N, C-alpha and C. Protein backbone atom coordinates (compact mmCIF):
# COMPACT_ATOMS: atom_id res chain seq x y z
N MET A 1 -32.27 -72.90 -14.58
CA MET A 1 -32.49 -72.34 -16.23
C MET A 1 -33.48 -71.32 -16.21
N LYS A 2 -34.60 -71.51 -15.43
CA LYS A 2 -35.78 -70.77 -15.61
C LYS A 2 -35.57 -69.32 -14.92
N LYS A 3 -34.86 -69.48 -13.98
CA LYS A 3 -34.45 -68.40 -13.09
C LYS A 3 -33.60 -67.21 -13.91
N SER A 4 -32.63 -67.66 -14.63
CA SER A 4 -31.85 -66.62 -15.46
C SER A 4 -32.59 -66.14 -16.73
N ARG A 5 -33.54 -66.86 -17.19
CA ARG A 5 -34.42 -66.19 -18.37
C ARG A 5 -35.16 -65.20 -17.74
N GLY A 6 -35.64 -65.27 -16.56
CA GLY A 6 -36.54 -64.36 -15.84
C GLY A 6 -35.79 -63.14 -15.59
N GLN A 7 -34.52 -63.33 -15.06
CA GLN A 7 -33.74 -61.99 -14.88
C GLN A 7 -33.45 -61.30 -16.13
N ALA A 8 -33.01 -62.01 -17.26
CA ALA A 8 -32.85 -61.48 -18.53
C ALA A 8 -34.00 -60.67 -19.12
N ALA A 9 -35.06 -61.17 -18.71
CA ALA A 9 -36.41 -60.48 -19.27
C ALA A 9 -36.51 -59.34 -18.43
N MET A 10 -36.31 -59.36 -17.17
CA MET A 10 -36.48 -58.34 -16.13
C MET A 10 -35.44 -57.11 -16.62
N GLU A 11 -34.37 -57.35 -16.84
CA GLU A 11 -33.24 -56.49 -17.11
C GLU A 11 -33.59 -55.85 -18.53
N TYR A 12 -33.98 -56.69 -19.40
CA TYR A 12 -34.57 -56.03 -20.69
C TYR A 12 -35.60 -54.93 -20.61
N LEU A 13 -36.50 -55.31 -19.72
CA LEU A 13 -37.79 -54.39 -19.34
C LEU A 13 -37.29 -53.04 -18.82
N MET A 14 -36.42 -53.30 -17.81
CA MET A 14 -35.96 -52.29 -17.06
C MET A 14 -35.04 -51.25 -17.71
N THR A 15 -34.24 -51.83 -18.79
CA THR A 15 -33.47 -50.89 -19.61
C THR A 15 -34.24 -50.11 -20.56
N TYR A 16 -35.13 -50.83 -21.29
CA TYR A 16 -35.95 -50.15 -22.28
C TYR A 16 -36.95 -49.32 -21.65
N GLY A 17 -37.48 -49.73 -20.37
CA GLY A 17 -38.45 -48.83 -19.67
C GLY A 17 -37.91 -47.57 -19.35
N TRP A 18 -36.72 -47.32 -18.89
CA TRP A 18 -36.15 -46.09 -18.75
C TRP A 18 -35.85 -45.16 -19.79
N ALA A 19 -35.41 -45.97 -20.81
CA ALA A 19 -35.41 -45.08 -22.25
C ALA A 19 -36.71 -44.62 -22.55
N ILE A 20 -37.80 -45.46 -22.55
CA ILE A 20 -39.23 -45.06 -22.83
C ILE A 20 -39.52 -43.84 -22.03
N LEU A 21 -39.29 -43.80 -20.74
CA LEU A 21 -39.73 -42.90 -19.83
C LEU A 21 -38.93 -41.55 -20.00
N ILE A 22 -37.79 -41.59 -20.38
CA ILE A 22 -36.97 -40.30 -20.74
C ILE A 22 -37.52 -39.95 -21.98
N MET A 23 -37.91 -40.48 -22.88
CA MET A 23 -38.35 -40.20 -24.14
C MET A 23 -39.81 -39.34 -23.88
N LEU A 24 -40.59 -39.91 -23.08
CA LEU A 24 -41.83 -39.41 -22.62
C LEU A 24 -41.74 -37.99 -22.04
N VAL A 25 -40.58 -37.90 -21.15
CA VAL A 25 -40.38 -36.78 -20.52
C VAL A 25 -40.05 -35.55 -21.55
N VAL A 26 -39.32 -35.94 -22.36
CA VAL A 26 -38.75 -34.89 -23.48
C VAL A 26 -40.08 -34.64 -24.13
N VAL A 27 -40.91 -35.40 -24.70
CA VAL A 27 -41.95 -35.20 -25.38
C VAL A 27 -43.00 -34.06 -24.59
N ALA A 28 -43.05 -34.50 -23.47
CA ALA A 28 -43.81 -33.55 -22.56
C ALA A 28 -43.43 -32.18 -22.34
N VAL A 29 -41.89 -32.17 -22.23
CA VAL A 29 -41.36 -30.68 -22.16
C VAL A 29 -41.42 -30.03 -23.48
N LEU A 30 -41.42 -30.62 -24.61
CA LEU A 30 -41.63 -29.98 -25.93
C LEU A 30 -43.00 -29.46 -25.95
N PHE A 31 -44.05 -30.28 -25.73
CA PHE A 31 -45.29 -29.85 -25.83
C PHE A 31 -45.69 -28.74 -24.77
N TYR A 32 -44.89 -28.88 -23.83
CA TYR A 32 -45.25 -27.49 -22.57
C TYR A 32 -44.55 -26.32 -23.21
N LEU A 33 -43.62 -26.34 -23.94
CA LEU A 33 -42.85 -25.13 -24.40
C LEU A 33 -43.63 -24.60 -25.78
N GLY A 34 -44.45 -25.35 -26.27
CA GLY A 34 -45.19 -25.02 -27.51
C GLY A 34 -44.63 -25.46 -28.70
N VAL A 35 -43.70 -26.23 -28.65
CA VAL A 35 -42.90 -26.59 -30.17
C VAL A 35 -43.90 -27.26 -31.06
N PHE A 36 -44.99 -27.95 -30.47
CA PHE A 36 -45.88 -28.66 -31.30
C PHE A 36 -47.05 -27.71 -31.79
N ASN A 37 -47.26 -26.58 -31.19
CA ASN A 37 -48.44 -25.61 -31.25
C ASN A 37 -48.38 -24.80 -32.51
N GLN A 38 -49.03 -25.42 -33.53
CA GLN A 38 -49.02 -24.67 -35.00
C GLN A 38 -49.92 -23.49 -35.00
N THR A 39 -50.88 -23.18 -34.04
CA THR A 39 -51.64 -21.96 -34.21
C THR A 39 -51.02 -20.61 -33.49
N SER A 40 -49.96 -20.72 -32.89
CA SER A 40 -49.42 -19.51 -32.21
C SER A 40 -48.43 -19.06 -33.24
N THR A 41 -48.27 -17.74 -33.54
CA THR A 41 -47.37 -16.95 -34.28
C THR A 41 -46.39 -16.15 -33.37
N PRO A 42 -45.05 -16.31 -33.54
CA PRO A 42 -44.10 -15.73 -32.59
C PRO A 42 -44.29 -14.25 -32.88
N LYS A 43 -44.04 -13.41 -31.82
CA LYS A 43 -44.05 -12.02 -31.74
C LYS A 43 -42.75 -11.60 -32.41
N ARG A 44 -42.88 -10.74 -33.61
CA ARG A 44 -41.48 -10.53 -34.22
C ARG A 44 -41.85 -9.21 -35.19
N CYS A 45 -40.87 -8.37 -35.33
CA CYS A 45 -41.09 -7.21 -36.09
C CYS A 45 -39.48 -7.06 -36.84
N THR A 46 -39.52 -7.02 -38.09
CA THR A 46 -38.37 -6.70 -38.91
C THR A 46 -38.40 -5.63 -39.83
N LEU A 47 -37.19 -4.91 -39.93
CA LEU A 47 -37.05 -3.72 -40.76
C LEU A 47 -35.80 -3.84 -41.60
N GLN A 48 -35.51 -3.00 -42.48
CA GLN A 48 -34.37 -2.74 -43.28
C GLN A 48 -33.37 -2.23 -42.28
N ALA A 49 -32.10 -2.46 -42.80
CA ALA A 49 -31.01 -1.85 -42.00
C ALA A 49 -31.04 -0.24 -41.83
N GLY A 50 -30.71 -0.02 -40.66
CA GLY A 50 -30.90 1.46 -40.23
C GLY A 50 -32.08 1.83 -39.44
N PHE A 51 -33.04 0.84 -39.47
CA PHE A 51 -34.32 1.04 -38.70
C PHE A 51 -34.67 -0.11 -37.85
N THR A 52 -35.12 0.22 -36.66
CA THR A 52 -35.57 -0.76 -35.67
C THR A 52 -36.92 -0.78 -35.16
N CYS A 53 -37.56 -1.74 -34.82
CA CYS A 53 -38.71 -1.82 -34.07
C CYS A 53 -38.53 -1.60 -32.46
N TYR A 54 -38.42 -0.43 -32.18
CA TYR A 54 -38.03 -0.17 -30.61
C TYR A 54 -39.09 -1.06 -29.75
N ASP A 55 -40.17 -0.86 -30.04
CA ASP A 55 -41.42 -1.49 -29.39
C ASP A 55 -42.61 -1.75 -30.34
N TYR A 56 -43.27 -2.75 -30.30
CA TYR A 56 -44.40 -3.07 -31.35
C TYR A 56 -45.34 -3.98 -30.73
N GLY A 57 -46.50 -4.01 -31.38
CA GLY A 57 -47.55 -4.86 -30.88
C GLY A 57 -48.76 -4.83 -31.97
N LEU A 58 -49.61 -5.80 -31.69
CA LEU A 58 -50.85 -5.90 -32.44
C LEU A 58 -51.93 -5.92 -31.60
N TYR A 59 -52.90 -5.10 -31.71
CA TYR A 59 -53.87 -4.85 -30.70
C TYR A 59 -55.24 -4.83 -31.33
N ALA A 60 -56.25 -5.46 -30.76
CA ALA A 60 -57.63 -5.52 -31.14
C ALA A 60 -58.36 -4.14 -30.98
N ASN A 61 -59.20 -3.62 -31.89
CA ASN A 61 -59.94 -2.52 -31.85
C ASN A 61 -61.12 -2.61 -32.63
N GLU A 62 -62.38 -2.74 -31.89
CA GLU A 62 -63.65 -3.11 -32.64
C GLU A 62 -63.60 -4.32 -33.42
N SER A 63 -63.62 -4.19 -34.63
CA SER A 63 -63.66 -5.24 -35.68
C SER A 63 -62.07 -5.47 -36.27
N ASN A 64 -61.13 -4.81 -36.06
CA ASN A 64 -59.91 -5.06 -36.76
C ASN A 64 -58.86 -5.06 -35.76
N THR A 65 -57.54 -5.53 -36.38
CA THR A 65 -56.35 -5.43 -35.69
C THR A 65 -55.44 -4.33 -36.14
N GLN A 66 -54.79 -3.59 -35.32
CA GLN A 66 -54.06 -2.50 -35.75
C GLN A 66 -52.70 -2.61 -35.02
N MET A 67 -51.91 -1.78 -35.60
CA MET A 67 -50.29 -1.79 -35.18
C MET A 67 -49.89 -0.90 -34.27
N TYR A 68 -49.14 -1.20 -33.35
CA TYR A 68 -48.52 -0.04 -32.45
C TYR A 68 -46.96 -0.32 -32.81
N LEU A 69 -46.44 0.72 -33.10
CA LEU A 69 -44.91 0.65 -33.62
C LEU A 69 -44.19 2.03 -33.07
N ASP A 70 -43.12 1.70 -32.25
CA ASP A 70 -42.24 2.71 -31.90
C ASP A 70 -40.88 2.51 -32.70
N LEU A 71 -40.86 3.35 -33.56
CA LEU A 71 -39.85 3.24 -34.66
C LEU A 71 -38.43 3.89 -34.21
N GLY A 72 -37.32 3.15 -34.36
CA GLY A 72 -36.01 3.70 -34.06
C GLY A 72 -35.24 3.75 -35.25
N GLN A 73 -34.34 4.79 -35.41
CA GLN A 73 -33.69 4.89 -36.74
C GLN A 73 -32.31 5.31 -36.38
N ALA A 74 -31.24 4.80 -37.12
CA ALA A 74 -29.90 5.11 -37.03
C ALA A 74 -29.25 5.37 -38.46
N THR A 75 -29.84 6.27 -39.29
CA THR A 75 -29.50 6.47 -40.53
C THR A 75 -28.22 7.66 -40.62
N GLY A 76 -28.15 8.40 -39.31
CA GLY A 76 -27.21 9.30 -39.48
C GLY A 76 -27.59 10.65 -39.77
N ARG A 77 -29.04 10.83 -40.03
CA ARG A 77 -29.71 11.99 -40.33
C ARG A 77 -31.12 12.13 -39.75
N THR A 78 -31.57 13.29 -39.36
CA THR A 78 -33.02 13.32 -39.12
C THR A 78 -33.88 13.13 -40.21
N ILE A 79 -35.04 12.18 -39.84
CA ILE A 79 -35.95 11.96 -40.91
C ILE A 79 -37.23 12.55 -40.62
N ASN A 80 -38.09 12.64 -41.44
CA ASN A 80 -39.49 13.17 -41.25
C ASN A 80 -40.45 11.89 -41.92
N VAL A 81 -41.30 11.10 -41.08
CA VAL A 81 -42.11 10.23 -41.58
C VAL A 81 -43.29 10.83 -41.99
N THR A 82 -43.75 10.56 -43.09
CA THR A 82 -44.89 11.17 -43.90
C THR A 82 -45.89 10.27 -44.13
N GLY A 83 -45.66 8.99 -44.22
CA GLY A 83 -46.78 7.96 -44.36
C GLY A 83 -46.49 6.60 -43.85
N ILE A 84 -47.55 5.79 -43.37
CA ILE A 84 -47.36 4.65 -42.95
C ILE A 84 -48.73 3.68 -43.19
N ASN A 85 -48.52 2.35 -43.47
CA ASN A 85 -49.70 1.60 -43.90
C ASN A 85 -49.31 0.07 -43.67
N CYS A 86 -50.17 -0.69 -43.46
CA CYS A 86 -50.07 -2.15 -43.20
C CYS A 86 -51.07 -2.94 -43.89
N THR A 87 -50.72 -4.20 -44.43
CA THR A 87 -51.52 -5.30 -44.90
C THR A 87 -51.08 -6.50 -44.49
N SER A 88 -52.25 -7.28 -44.39
CA SER A 88 -52.15 -8.73 -44.19
C SER A 88 -51.95 -9.63 -45.48
N SER A 89 -51.88 -9.01 -46.47
CA SER A 89 -51.85 -9.61 -47.67
C SER A 89 -50.47 -10.12 -47.93
N SER A 90 -50.33 -11.51 -48.08
CA SER A 90 -48.90 -12.03 -48.59
C SER A 90 -48.35 -11.84 -49.84
N VAL A 91 -49.17 -11.30 -50.79
CA VAL A 91 -48.58 -10.81 -52.22
C VAL A 91 -48.35 -9.45 -52.30
N ASP A 92 -49.33 -8.63 -51.93
CA ASP A 92 -48.99 -7.15 -52.20
C ASP A 92 -48.23 -6.37 -51.19
N LEU A 93 -47.40 -5.50 -51.53
CA LEU A 93 -46.64 -4.65 -50.65
C LEU A 93 -47.66 -3.54 -50.38
N PRO A 94 -47.65 -3.06 -49.10
CA PRO A 94 -48.53 -1.91 -48.84
C PRO A 94 -48.22 -0.61 -49.35
N VAL A 95 -49.01 0.29 -49.60
CA VAL A 95 -48.55 1.55 -50.25
C VAL A 95 -48.80 2.59 -48.89
N PRO A 96 -47.77 3.38 -48.57
CA PRO A 96 -47.90 4.18 -47.27
C PRO A 96 -49.10 5.25 -47.30
N GLY A 97 -50.03 5.24 -46.30
CA GLY A 97 -50.88 6.22 -46.14
C GLY A 97 -50.46 7.46 -45.65
N ASP A 98 -51.10 8.60 -45.92
CA ASP A 98 -50.52 9.72 -45.50
C ASP A 98 -50.79 10.19 -43.99
N ILE A 99 -49.63 10.66 -43.33
CA ILE A 99 -49.90 11.31 -41.92
C ILE A 99 -50.03 12.67 -42.12
N THR A 100 -50.97 13.31 -41.18
CA THR A 100 -51.35 14.69 -41.52
C THR A 100 -50.29 15.58 -41.09
N GLU A 101 -49.60 15.19 -40.01
CA GLU A 101 -48.33 15.98 -39.64
C GLU A 101 -47.19 14.97 -39.60
N GLY A 102 -45.97 15.41 -40.26
CA GLY A 102 -45.02 14.55 -40.34
C GLY A 102 -44.31 14.32 -38.88
N ILE A 103 -43.78 13.16 -38.81
CA ILE A 103 -43.11 12.72 -37.47
C ILE A 103 -41.63 12.74 -37.39
N LEU A 104 -40.90 13.75 -36.83
CA LEU A 104 -39.52 13.88 -36.84
C LEU A 104 -38.86 12.82 -36.08
N ILE A 105 -37.75 12.11 -36.51
CA ILE A 105 -37.07 11.12 -35.79
C ILE A 105 -35.50 11.45 -35.76
N ALA A 106 -34.89 11.87 -34.90
CA ALA A 106 -33.47 12.17 -34.86
C ALA A 106 -32.53 10.90 -35.11
N SER A 107 -31.46 10.96 -35.59
CA SER A 107 -30.62 9.67 -35.56
C SER A 107 -30.30 9.16 -34.42
N GLY A 108 -30.60 7.98 -34.15
CA GLY A 108 -30.29 7.35 -32.94
C GLY A 108 -31.44 7.39 -31.81
N ALA A 109 -32.53 8.14 -32.22
CA ALA A 109 -33.68 8.15 -31.44
C ALA A 109 -34.83 7.19 -31.82
N HIS A 110 -35.90 7.25 -31.07
CA HIS A 110 -37.21 6.43 -31.43
C HIS A 110 -38.33 7.05 -31.02
N VAL A 111 -39.43 7.20 -31.81
CA VAL A 111 -40.62 7.76 -31.68
C VAL A 111 -41.85 6.82 -32.10
N VAL A 112 -42.97 7.04 -31.46
CA VAL A 112 -44.07 6.23 -31.90
C VAL A 112 -44.88 6.68 -33.12
N VAL A 113 -44.76 5.92 -34.11
CA VAL A 113 -45.37 6.33 -35.35
C VAL A 113 -46.85 5.89 -35.78
N ALA A 114 -47.04 4.72 -34.96
CA ALA A 114 -48.39 4.21 -35.20
C ALA A 114 -48.88 3.76 -33.74
N ASN A 115 -49.95 4.52 -33.31
CA ASN A 115 -50.36 4.18 -31.99
C ASN A 115 -51.94 3.99 -31.99
N GLY A 116 -52.30 2.69 -31.49
CA GLY A 116 -53.71 2.34 -31.54
C GLY A 116 -54.60 2.98 -30.70
N SER A 117 -54.29 3.89 -29.85
CA SER A 117 -55.14 4.56 -28.89
C SER A 117 -55.93 5.69 -29.37
N SER A 118 -55.61 6.12 -30.61
CA SER A 118 -56.30 7.35 -31.08
C SER A 118 -56.72 6.89 -32.62
N PRO A 119 -57.92 7.22 -32.89
CA PRO A 119 -58.33 6.84 -34.39
C PRO A 119 -57.51 7.62 -35.47
N THR A 120 -56.91 8.86 -35.06
CA THR A 120 -56.26 9.44 -36.36
C THR A 120 -54.87 8.58 -36.51
N ASP A 121 -54.43 7.85 -35.62
CA ASP A 121 -53.23 6.99 -35.84
C ASP A 121 -53.46 5.62 -36.13
N LEU A 122 -54.71 5.24 -36.49
CA LEU A 122 -55.30 3.98 -36.77
C LEU A 122 -54.46 3.43 -38.03
N VAL A 123 -53.83 2.36 -37.80
CA VAL A 123 -52.95 1.65 -38.93
C VAL A 123 -53.50 0.36 -38.88
N ILE A 124 -54.55 -0.23 -39.61
CA ILE A 124 -55.13 -1.43 -39.56
C ILE A 124 -54.30 -2.45 -40.42
N CYS A 125 -53.86 -3.60 -39.84
CA CYS A 125 -53.06 -4.55 -40.29
C CYS A 125 -53.82 -5.83 -40.64
N CYS A 126 -54.70 -6.37 -39.84
CA CYS A 126 -55.53 -7.50 -40.14
C CYS A 126 -57.01 -7.50 -39.77
N ASN A 127 -57.87 -8.21 -40.57
CA ASN A 127 -59.09 -8.10 -40.27
C ASN A 127 -59.44 -9.25 -38.98
N GLY A 128 -60.38 -8.81 -38.31
CA GLY A 128 -60.65 -9.70 -37.09
C GLY A 128 -59.91 -9.16 -35.94
N THR A 129 -60.46 -9.71 -34.60
CA THR A 129 -59.70 -9.30 -33.50
C THR A 129 -59.27 -10.45 -32.58
N SER A 130 -58.97 -11.50 -33.13
CA SER A 130 -58.48 -12.58 -32.30
C SER A 130 -57.48 -13.61 -33.20
N GLY A 131 -56.74 -14.28 -32.51
CA GLY A 131 -55.90 -15.13 -33.21
C GLY A 131 -54.58 -14.61 -33.54
N PRO A 132 -53.55 -15.20 -34.17
CA PRO A 132 -52.42 -14.69 -34.74
C PRO A 132 -52.52 -13.68 -35.89
N CYS A 133 -51.73 -12.68 -36.11
CA CYS A 133 -51.56 -11.87 -37.27
C CYS A 133 -50.33 -11.68 -37.90
N LYS A 134 -50.14 -11.92 -39.22
CA LYS A 134 -48.91 -11.69 -39.79
C LYS A 134 -49.11 -10.70 -40.79
N ALA A 135 -48.38 -9.55 -40.93
CA ALA A 135 -48.59 -8.45 -42.02
C ALA A 135 -47.31 -7.88 -42.41
N LYS A 136 -47.38 -7.09 -43.51
CA LYS A 136 -46.41 -6.24 -43.89
C LYS A 136 -46.73 -4.91 -43.79
N PHE A 137 -45.67 -4.00 -43.51
CA PHE A 137 -46.16 -2.54 -43.40
C PHE A 137 -44.99 -1.74 -44.21
N ALA A 138 -45.40 -0.44 -44.47
CA ALA A 138 -44.52 0.26 -45.43
C ALA A 138 -44.43 1.67 -44.63
N ILE A 139 -43.44 2.36 -44.52
CA ILE A 139 -43.11 3.56 -44.02
C ILE A 139 -42.61 4.50 -44.94
N ARG A 140 -43.05 5.71 -45.42
CA ARG A 140 -42.51 6.65 -46.32
C ARG A 140 -41.97 7.66 -45.36
N TYR A 141 -40.74 8.20 -46.03
CA TYR A 141 -40.07 9.25 -44.91
C TYR A 141 -39.17 10.06 -46.02
N THR A 142 -38.78 11.10 -45.53
CA THR A 142 -37.68 12.14 -46.12
C THR A 142 -36.74 12.31 -45.23
N ASN A 143 -35.53 12.52 -45.61
CA ASN A 143 -34.46 13.21 -45.01
C ASN A 143 -34.64 14.75 -44.78
N VAL A 144 -34.49 15.13 -43.64
CA VAL A 144 -34.60 16.64 -43.37
C VAL A 144 -33.71 17.51 -44.26
N ASP A 145 -32.53 16.99 -44.56
CA ASP A 145 -31.65 17.77 -45.26
C ASP A 145 -32.17 17.58 -46.80
N SER A 146 -32.74 16.65 -47.13
CA SER A 146 -33.02 16.64 -48.62
C SER A 146 -34.51 16.23 -48.80
N PRO A 147 -35.51 17.11 -48.54
CA PRO A 147 -36.93 16.69 -48.25
C PRO A 147 -37.45 16.35 -49.72
N THR A 148 -36.83 16.59 -50.78
CA THR A 148 -37.58 16.29 -52.07
C THR A 148 -37.28 14.87 -52.44
N ILE A 149 -36.52 14.31 -51.72
CA ILE A 149 -36.12 12.82 -52.11
C ILE A 149 -36.99 11.84 -51.20
N VAL A 150 -38.09 11.24 -51.64
CA VAL A 150 -38.92 10.45 -50.89
C VAL A 150 -38.47 9.06 -50.83
N ARG A 151 -38.31 8.36 -49.61
CA ARG A 151 -37.92 7.07 -49.49
C ARG A 151 -39.03 6.14 -48.97
N THR A 152 -39.08 4.93 -49.07
CA THR A 152 -39.97 4.08 -48.53
C THR A 152 -39.22 2.73 -47.96
N ILE A 153 -39.47 2.35 -46.75
CA ILE A 153 -38.96 1.20 -46.22
C ILE A 153 -40.12 0.18 -45.98
N TYR A 154 -39.83 -1.08 -46.07
CA TYR A 154 -40.75 -2.15 -45.79
C TYR A 154 -40.42 -3.02 -44.53
N GLY A 155 -41.24 -3.38 -43.80
CA GLY A 155 -40.91 -4.31 -42.71
C GLY A 155 -42.16 -5.56 -42.64
N ASP A 156 -41.97 -6.40 -41.84
CA ASP A 156 -42.84 -7.50 -41.36
C ASP A 156 -43.13 -7.41 -39.91
N ILE A 157 -44.33 -7.77 -39.47
CA ILE A 157 -44.73 -7.64 -38.14
C ILE A 157 -45.77 -9.06 -37.96
N SER A 158 -45.57 -9.75 -36.89
CA SER A 158 -46.40 -10.75 -36.48
C SER A 158 -46.48 -10.98 -35.13
N GLY A 159 -47.48 -11.81 -34.69
CA GLY A 159 -47.70 -12.01 -33.27
C GLY A 159 -49.08 -12.20 -33.03
N PRO A 160 -49.31 -12.46 -31.71
CA PRO A 160 -50.67 -12.52 -31.23
C PRO A 160 -51.50 -11.27 -30.93
N VAL A 161 -52.69 -11.31 -31.31
CA VAL A 161 -53.37 -10.01 -31.12
C VAL A 161 -53.71 -9.85 -29.63
N GLU A 162 -53.51 -8.56 -29.12
CA GLU A 162 -53.68 -8.28 -27.72
C GLU A 162 -54.77 -7.25 -27.49
N THR A 163 -55.03 -7.31 -26.29
CA THR A 163 -56.04 -6.22 -25.99
C THR A 163 -55.60 -4.74 -25.94
N LEU A 164 -56.50 -3.81 -26.28
CA LEU A 164 -55.99 -2.56 -26.52
C LEU A 164 -55.70 -1.67 -25.15
N SER A 165 -56.20 -2.27 -24.11
CA SER A 165 -55.86 -1.49 -22.85
C SER A 165 -54.39 -1.61 -22.41
N GLY A 166 -53.81 -0.58 -21.96
CA GLY A 166 -52.34 -0.56 -21.53
C GLY A 166 -51.51 0.24 -22.37
N ILE A 167 -52.03 0.76 -23.50
CA ILE A 167 -51.29 1.47 -24.47
C ILE A 167 -51.06 2.77 -23.98
C-alpha cells in the first residue's frame, strides 16, 4: 500500500514539474526578447498616405535629440519641401519651421530633408540626449505645378536615441 502512494506522488511531481519547467522557459524567452521591458520605445516612423520614411533616426547632439529623415513621396507630382519641425509635446502639433532653400522631391523618389550632421539642418525633437524619444513632426510643402497652394503633413517618430557618428 505504501509503495503505490509513493509512486502516485512521484508521478504527480514529475508531471507538474515538467509543466512548471516549460512555463519558466517561456517566461525566460519573453524576458530575453524584451516583452516586459517598459523603458524601450520601438523604432517607428509614420506619415500620411503618399509619403514614407525611407530612412529615419533620432540622434544625440550636445544637449538635445534631433531627427534624421529621408523622406520618400509618391503623390504623382514633384514637391518642394519648404519647412519642417518636430516636437515631443503630446498635445500640440508642431508648426513647420522654414528651410532656407526648398528641397525638391520627384514623385517616387526620396531625399534627406532633416540631417543632424549640420547645424543648418538641425531639427530638434526631444530635450536630452539619452533614453527613448517620442515626437511628432510636420512638413510643409507645395506642388511644383501649383506653388501657391501650401500643404502640411504630420507624422510620428519614436525610438531610442543613438549617437551622432555615422550619419
